[in-house]
């Protein structure tokens, strides 16, 4: 959300020049990646927002029973401010989220 995907990909490619073990961690670096998802081994969900994840789960037929972002320390403090929890700032100040889905 802070840097474009191309900026992140270029940075990882430069780091891989100095640390070849990154090619093993991020095998997609060898295939001219265009998106962050292309870099990672399993093409995971790291490049979507929390709301996009919830919508994707609903479209797949799941009910989102629980969704909890995992905030960095400053994010935990800011999350106490009414209305902030559902803003993009909450996503920027997080390191991930946990979800419990149910297939009705």
N, C-alpha and C. Protein backbone atom coordinates (compact mmCIF):
# COMPACT_ATOMS: atom_id res chain seq x y z
N UNK A 1 0.81 -1.19 0.00
CA UNK A 1 0.00 0.00 0.00
C UNK A 1 0.86 1.26 0.00
N UNK A 2 2.12 1.13 0.41
CA UNK A 2 2.97 2.30 0.47
C UNK A 2 3.81 2.42 -0.79
N UNK A 3 4.30 1.28 -1.31
CA UNK A 3 5.13 1.25 -2.52
C UNK A 3 4.39 0.48 -3.60
N UNK A 4 4.66 0.83 -4.85
CA UNK A 4 4.04 0.09 -5.94
C UNK A 4 4.64 -1.33 -6.00
N UNK A 5 3.91 -2.22 -6.64
CA UNK A 5 4.40 -3.60 -6.77
C UNK A 5 5.72 -3.62 -7.52
N UNK A 6 5.84 -2.82 -8.57
CA UNK A 6 7.07 -2.81 -9.35
C UNK A 6 8.26 -2.33 -8.52
N UNK A 7 8.04 -1.37 -7.63
CA UNK A 7 9.12 -0.89 -6.76
C UNK A 7 9.58 -2.00 -5.82
N UNK A 8 8.64 -2.73 -5.26
CA UNK A 8 8.99 -3.83 -4.35
C UNK A 8 9.71 -4.93 -5.11
N UNK A 9 9.23 -5.27 -6.28
CA UNK A 9 9.87 -6.33 -7.08
C UNK A 9 11.30 -5.93 -7.45
N UNK A 10 11.49 -4.69 -7.88
CA UNK A 10 12.85 -4.23 -8.22
C UNK A 10 13.77 -4.30 -7.00
N UNK A 11 13.26 -3.94 -5.82
CA UNK A 11 14.07 -3.99 -4.60
C UNK A 11 14.46 -5.42 -4.27
N UNK A 12 13.53 -6.34 -4.38
CA UNK A 12 13.84 -7.75 -4.08
C UNK A 12 14.83 -8.30 -5.11
N UNK A 13 14.68 -7.93 -6.36
CA UNK A 13 15.63 -8.38 -7.39
C UNK A 13 17.04 -7.88 -7.09
N UNK A 14 17.15 -6.62 -6.66
CA UNK A 14 18.48 -6.08 -6.29
C UNK A 14 19.05 -6.82 -5.09
N UNK A 15 18.20 -7.11 -4.11
CA UNK A 15 18.67 -7.84 -2.93
C UNK A 15 19.11 -9.25 -3.32
N UNK A 16 18.42 -9.87 -4.26
CA UNK A 16 18.77 -11.23 -4.69
C UNK A 16 20.12 -11.26 -5.39
N UNK A 17 20.52 -10.15 -6.01
CA UNK A 17 21.85 -10.10 -6.63
C UNK A 17 22.94 -10.26 -5.57
N UNK A 18 22.72 -9.71 -4.38
CA UNK A 18 23.69 -9.80 -3.29
C UNK A 18 23.50 -11.03 -2.43
N UNK A 19 22.30 -11.59 -2.43
CA UNK A 19 21.98 -12.75 -1.59
C UNK A 19 21.27 -13.81 -2.44
N UNK A 20 22.03 -14.66 -3.14
CA UNK A 20 21.44 -15.65 -4.04
C UNK A 20 20.43 -16.59 -3.38
N UNK A 21 20.49 -16.75 -2.05
CA UNK A 21 19.52 -17.63 -1.38
C UNK A 21 18.10 -17.10 -1.52
N UNK A 22 17.94 -15.83 -1.84
CA UNK A 22 16.59 -15.29 -2.05
C UNK A 22 15.92 -15.92 -3.27
N UNK A 23 16.72 -16.40 -4.23
CA UNK A 23 16.13 -17.09 -5.38
C UNK A 23 15.40 -18.36 -4.96
N UNK A 24 15.87 -18.99 -3.90
CA UNK A 24 15.21 -20.19 -3.40
C UNK A 24 13.93 -19.82 -2.64
N UNK A 25 13.99 -18.73 -1.90
CA UNK A 25 12.83 -18.30 -1.12
C UNK A 25 11.75 -17.73 -2.04
N UNK A 26 12.17 -17.00 -3.06
CA UNK A 26 11.26 -16.37 -4.01
C UNK A 26 11.56 -16.86 -5.42
N UNK A 27 11.14 -18.08 -5.76
CA UNK A 27 11.50 -18.68 -7.05
C UNK A 27 10.98 -17.91 -8.26
N UNK A 28 9.95 -17.12 -8.10
CA UNK A 28 9.40 -16.36 -9.21
C UNK A 28 10.29 -15.23 -9.69
N UNK A 29 11.36 -14.93 -8.96
CA UNK A 29 12.27 -13.86 -9.39
C UNK A 29 12.91 -14.18 -10.74
N UNK A 30 13.02 -15.45 -11.07
CA UNK A 30 13.68 -15.87 -12.32
C UNK A 30 12.77 -15.72 -13.53
N UNK A 31 11.48 -15.45 -13.30
CA UNK A 31 10.51 -15.47 -14.40
C UNK A 31 9.96 -14.10 -14.76
N UNK A 32 10.74 -13.05 -14.59
CA UNK A 32 10.30 -11.69 -14.92
C UNK A 32 8.95 -11.36 -14.28
N UNK A 33 8.88 -11.36 -12.94
CA UNK A 33 7.60 -11.15 -12.26
C UNK A 33 7.03 -9.76 -12.52
N UNK A 34 5.72 -9.71 -12.64
CA UNK A 34 5.02 -8.44 -12.84
C UNK A 34 4.25 -8.03 -11.59
N UNK A 35 3.91 -9.01 -10.74
CA UNK A 35 3.16 -8.76 -9.52
C UNK A 35 3.88 -9.46 -8.37
N UNK A 36 3.63 -8.99 -7.17
CA UNK A 36 4.23 -9.61 -5.99
C UNK A 36 3.82 -11.06 -5.91
N UNK A 37 2.59 -11.34 -6.25
CA UNK A 37 2.09 -12.72 -6.24
C UNK A 37 2.94 -13.62 -7.14
N UNK A 38 3.50 -13.08 -8.23
CA UNK A 38 4.34 -13.85 -9.15
C UNK A 38 5.67 -14.25 -8.53
N UNK A 39 6.13 -13.50 -7.55
CA UNK A 39 7.44 -13.72 -6.94
C UNK A 39 7.40 -14.89 -5.96
N UNK A 40 6.31 -15.01 -5.24
CA UNK A 40 6.22 -15.96 -4.14
C UNK A 40 5.93 -17.37 -4.63
N UNK A 41 6.36 -18.34 -3.87
CA UNK A 41 6.27 -19.75 -4.24
C UNK A 41 4.84 -20.19 -4.53
N UNK A 42 3.91 -19.82 -3.69
CA UNK A 42 2.55 -20.32 -3.83
C UNK A 42 1.57 -19.29 -4.39
N UNK A 43 2.04 -18.15 -4.88
CA UNK A 43 1.14 -17.14 -5.42
C UNK A 43 0.07 -16.75 -4.41
N UNK A 44 0.50 -16.50 -3.20
CA UNK A 44 -0.43 -16.31 -2.09
C UNK A 44 -1.16 -14.98 -2.14
N UNK A 45 -1.80 -14.65 -1.05
CA UNK A 45 -2.69 -13.50 -1.00
C UNK A 45 -2.05 -12.23 -0.46
N UNK A 46 -0.76 -12.12 -0.46
CA UNK A 46 -0.11 -10.98 0.17
C UNK A 46 -0.39 -9.64 -0.50
N UNK A 47 -0.94 -9.66 -1.67
CA UNK A 47 -1.15 -8.38 -2.34
C UNK A 47 -2.61 -7.94 -2.37
N UNK A 48 -3.43 -8.45 -1.44
CA UNK A 48 -4.82 -8.03 -1.41
C UNK A 48 -5.13 -7.35 -0.08
N UNK A 49 -6.17 -6.55 -0.08
CA UNK A 49 -6.58 -5.87 1.15
C UNK A 49 -7.44 -6.80 1.99
N UNK A 50 -7.66 -6.42 3.23
CA UNK A 50 -8.52 -7.20 4.12
C UNK A 50 -9.93 -7.31 3.53
N UNK A 51 -10.45 -6.20 3.04
CA UNK A 51 -11.79 -6.23 2.46
C UNK A 51 -11.85 -7.11 1.22
N UNK A 52 -10.79 -7.09 0.40
CA UNK A 52 -10.74 -7.96 -0.77
C UNK A 52 -10.78 -9.42 -0.36
N UNK A 53 -10.05 -9.77 0.71
CA UNK A 53 -10.06 -11.14 1.21
C UNK A 53 -11.47 -11.55 1.64
N UNK A 54 -12.13 -10.68 2.39
CA UNK A 54 -13.47 -10.99 2.87
C UNK A 54 -14.45 -11.18 1.71
N UNK A 55 -14.36 -10.31 0.72
CA UNK A 55 -15.23 -10.43 -0.46
C UNK A 55 -14.92 -11.71 -1.23
N UNK A 56 -13.65 -12.05 -1.37
CA UNK A 56 -13.25 -13.26 -2.06
C UNK A 56 -13.80 -14.49 -1.34
N UNK A 57 -13.74 -14.49 -0.02
CA UNK A 57 -14.26 -15.60 0.77
C UNK A 57 -15.77 -15.74 0.57
N UNK A 58 -16.46 -14.61 0.57
CA UNK A 58 -17.92 -14.65 0.37
C UNK A 58 -18.28 -15.16 -1.02
N UNK A 59 -17.56 -14.71 -2.04
CA UNK A 59 -17.83 -15.18 -3.40
C UNK A 59 -17.57 -16.68 -3.54
N UNK A 60 -16.65 -17.20 -2.73
CA UNK A 60 -16.34 -18.64 -2.77
C UNK A 60 -17.34 -19.45 -1.94
N UNK A 61 -18.30 -18.77 -1.33
CA UNK A 61 -19.34 -19.47 -0.60
C UNK A 61 -19.08 -19.62 0.89
N UNK A 62 -18.12 -18.89 1.43
CA UNK A 62 -17.82 -18.97 2.86
C UNK A 62 -18.47 -17.83 3.61
N UNK A 63 -18.76 -18.07 4.87
CA UNK A 63 -19.20 -17.02 5.78
C UNK A 63 -18.00 -16.65 6.64
N UNK A 64 -17.68 -15.38 6.72
CA UNK A 64 -16.56 -14.92 7.55
C UNK A 64 -17.09 -14.79 8.98
N UNK A 65 -16.76 -15.76 9.82
CA UNK A 65 -17.25 -15.75 11.21
C UNK A 65 -16.40 -14.87 12.11
N UNK A 66 -15.12 -14.78 11.80
CA UNK A 66 -14.20 -14.01 12.63
C UNK A 66 -13.10 -13.47 11.72
N UNK A 67 -12.73 -12.23 11.93
CA UNK A 67 -11.61 -11.64 11.19
C UNK A 67 -10.87 -10.71 12.14
N UNK A 68 -9.59 -10.95 12.36
CA UNK A 68 -8.82 -10.16 13.31
C UNK A 68 -7.47 -9.77 12.71
N UNK A 69 -7.28 -8.49 12.39
CA UNK A 69 -5.95 -8.05 11.95
C UNK A 69 -4.94 -8.19 13.08
N UNK A 70 -3.70 -8.46 12.73
CA UNK A 70 -2.61 -8.52 13.70
C UNK A 70 -1.78 -7.25 13.51
N UNK A 71 -1.95 -6.32 14.41
CA UNK A 71 -1.34 -4.99 14.28
C UNK A 71 0.06 -4.96 14.89
N UNK A 72 0.89 -4.08 14.33
CA UNK A 72 2.16 -3.76 14.96
C UNK A 72 1.84 -2.92 16.20
N UNK A 73 2.78 -2.71 17.12
CA UNK A 73 2.46 -1.98 18.36
C UNK A 73 1.78 -0.62 18.14
N UNK A 74 2.28 0.18 17.22
CA UNK A 74 1.64 1.48 17.00
C UNK A 74 0.24 1.30 16.41
N UNK A 75 0.04 0.24 15.65
CA UNK A 75 -1.28 -0.03 15.10
C UNK A 75 -2.28 -0.42 16.18
N UNK A 76 -1.81 -1.10 17.22
CA UNK A 76 -2.69 -1.47 18.33
C UNK A 76 -3.20 -0.23 19.05
N UNK A 77 -2.34 0.75 19.21
CA UNK A 77 -2.75 1.99 19.87
C UNK A 77 -3.76 2.74 18.99
N UNK A 78 -3.46 2.87 17.71
CA UNK A 78 -4.35 3.60 16.81
C UNK A 78 -5.68 2.88 16.61
N UNK A 79 -5.69 1.55 16.72
CA UNK A 79 -6.93 0.78 16.53
C UNK A 79 -7.97 1.09 17.60
N UNK A 80 -7.53 1.68 18.70
CA UNK A 80 -8.47 2.05 19.77
C UNK A 80 -9.27 3.30 19.43
N UNK A 81 -8.85 4.02 18.40
CA UNK A 81 -9.56 5.23 17.98
C UNK A 81 -10.81 4.80 17.21
N UNK A 82 -11.98 5.25 17.63
CA UNK A 82 -13.22 4.83 16.97
C UNK A 82 -13.18 5.07 15.47
N UNK A 83 -13.58 4.05 14.71
CA UNK A 83 -13.67 4.16 13.26
C UNK A 83 -12.39 3.88 12.51
N UNK A 84 -11.26 3.84 13.18
CA UNK A 84 -9.99 3.64 12.50
C UNK A 84 -9.78 2.18 12.08
N UNK A 85 -10.37 1.25 12.80
CA UNK A 85 -10.14 -0.17 12.56
C UNK A 85 -10.51 -0.59 11.13
N UNK A 86 -11.45 0.07 10.52
CA UNK A 86 -11.89 -0.33 9.18
C UNK A 86 -11.32 0.56 8.07
N UNK A 87 -10.26 1.27 8.34
CA UNK A 87 -9.65 2.14 7.33
C UNK A 87 -8.38 1.50 6.77
N UNK A 88 -7.91 1.98 5.62
CA UNK A 88 -6.66 1.45 5.06
C UNK A 88 -5.46 1.62 6.00
N UNK A 89 -5.49 2.62 6.86
CA UNK A 89 -4.39 2.81 7.80
C UNK A 89 -4.22 1.60 8.72
N UNK A 90 -5.33 0.98 9.09
CA UNK A 90 -5.26 -0.22 9.93
C UNK A 90 -4.52 -1.34 9.20
N UNK A 91 -4.70 -1.44 7.90
CA UNK A 91 -4.00 -2.46 7.12
C UNK A 91 -2.51 -2.15 7.01
N UNK A 92 -2.19 -0.90 6.83
CA UNK A 92 -0.78 -0.50 6.72
C UNK A 92 -0.04 -0.81 8.01
N UNK A 93 -0.72 -0.65 9.14
CA UNK A 93 -0.09 -0.85 10.44
C UNK A 93 -0.30 -2.28 10.96
N UNK A 94 -0.44 -3.23 10.05
CA UNK A 94 -0.62 -4.62 10.47
C UNK A 94 0.43 -5.50 9.82
N UNK A 95 0.57 -6.71 10.37
CA UNK A 95 1.50 -7.69 9.80
C UNK A 95 0.74 -8.89 9.26
N UNK A 96 -0.56 -8.82 9.22
CA UNK A 96 -1.38 -9.91 8.71
C UNK A 96 -2.71 -9.94 9.42
N UNK A 97 -3.41 -11.04 9.26
CA UNK A 97 -4.72 -11.19 9.89
C UNK A 97 -5.03 -12.68 10.03
N UNK A 98 -5.92 -12.97 10.94
CA UNK A 98 -6.43 -14.34 11.05
C UNK A 98 -7.92 -14.30 10.75
N UNK A 99 -8.41 -15.40 10.20
CA UNK A 99 -9.82 -15.46 9.84
C UNK A 99 -10.34 -16.86 10.12
N UNK A 100 -11.59 -16.91 10.48
CA UNK A 100 -12.28 -18.19 10.61
C UNK A 100 -13.45 -18.15 9.64
N UNK A 101 -13.43 -19.07 8.69
CA UNK A 101 -14.45 -19.14 7.67
C UNK A 101 -15.29 -20.38 7.87
N UNK A 102 -16.55 -20.29 7.49
CA UNK A 102 -17.44 -21.45 7.57
C UNK A 102 -18.11 -21.63 6.22
N UNK A 103 -18.15 -22.86 5.79
CA UNK A 103 -18.86 -23.19 4.56
C UNK A 103 -20.28 -23.58 4.95
N UNK A 104 -21.28 -22.71 4.68
CA UNK A 104 -22.67 -23.00 5.07
C UNK A 104 -23.21 -24.25 4.37
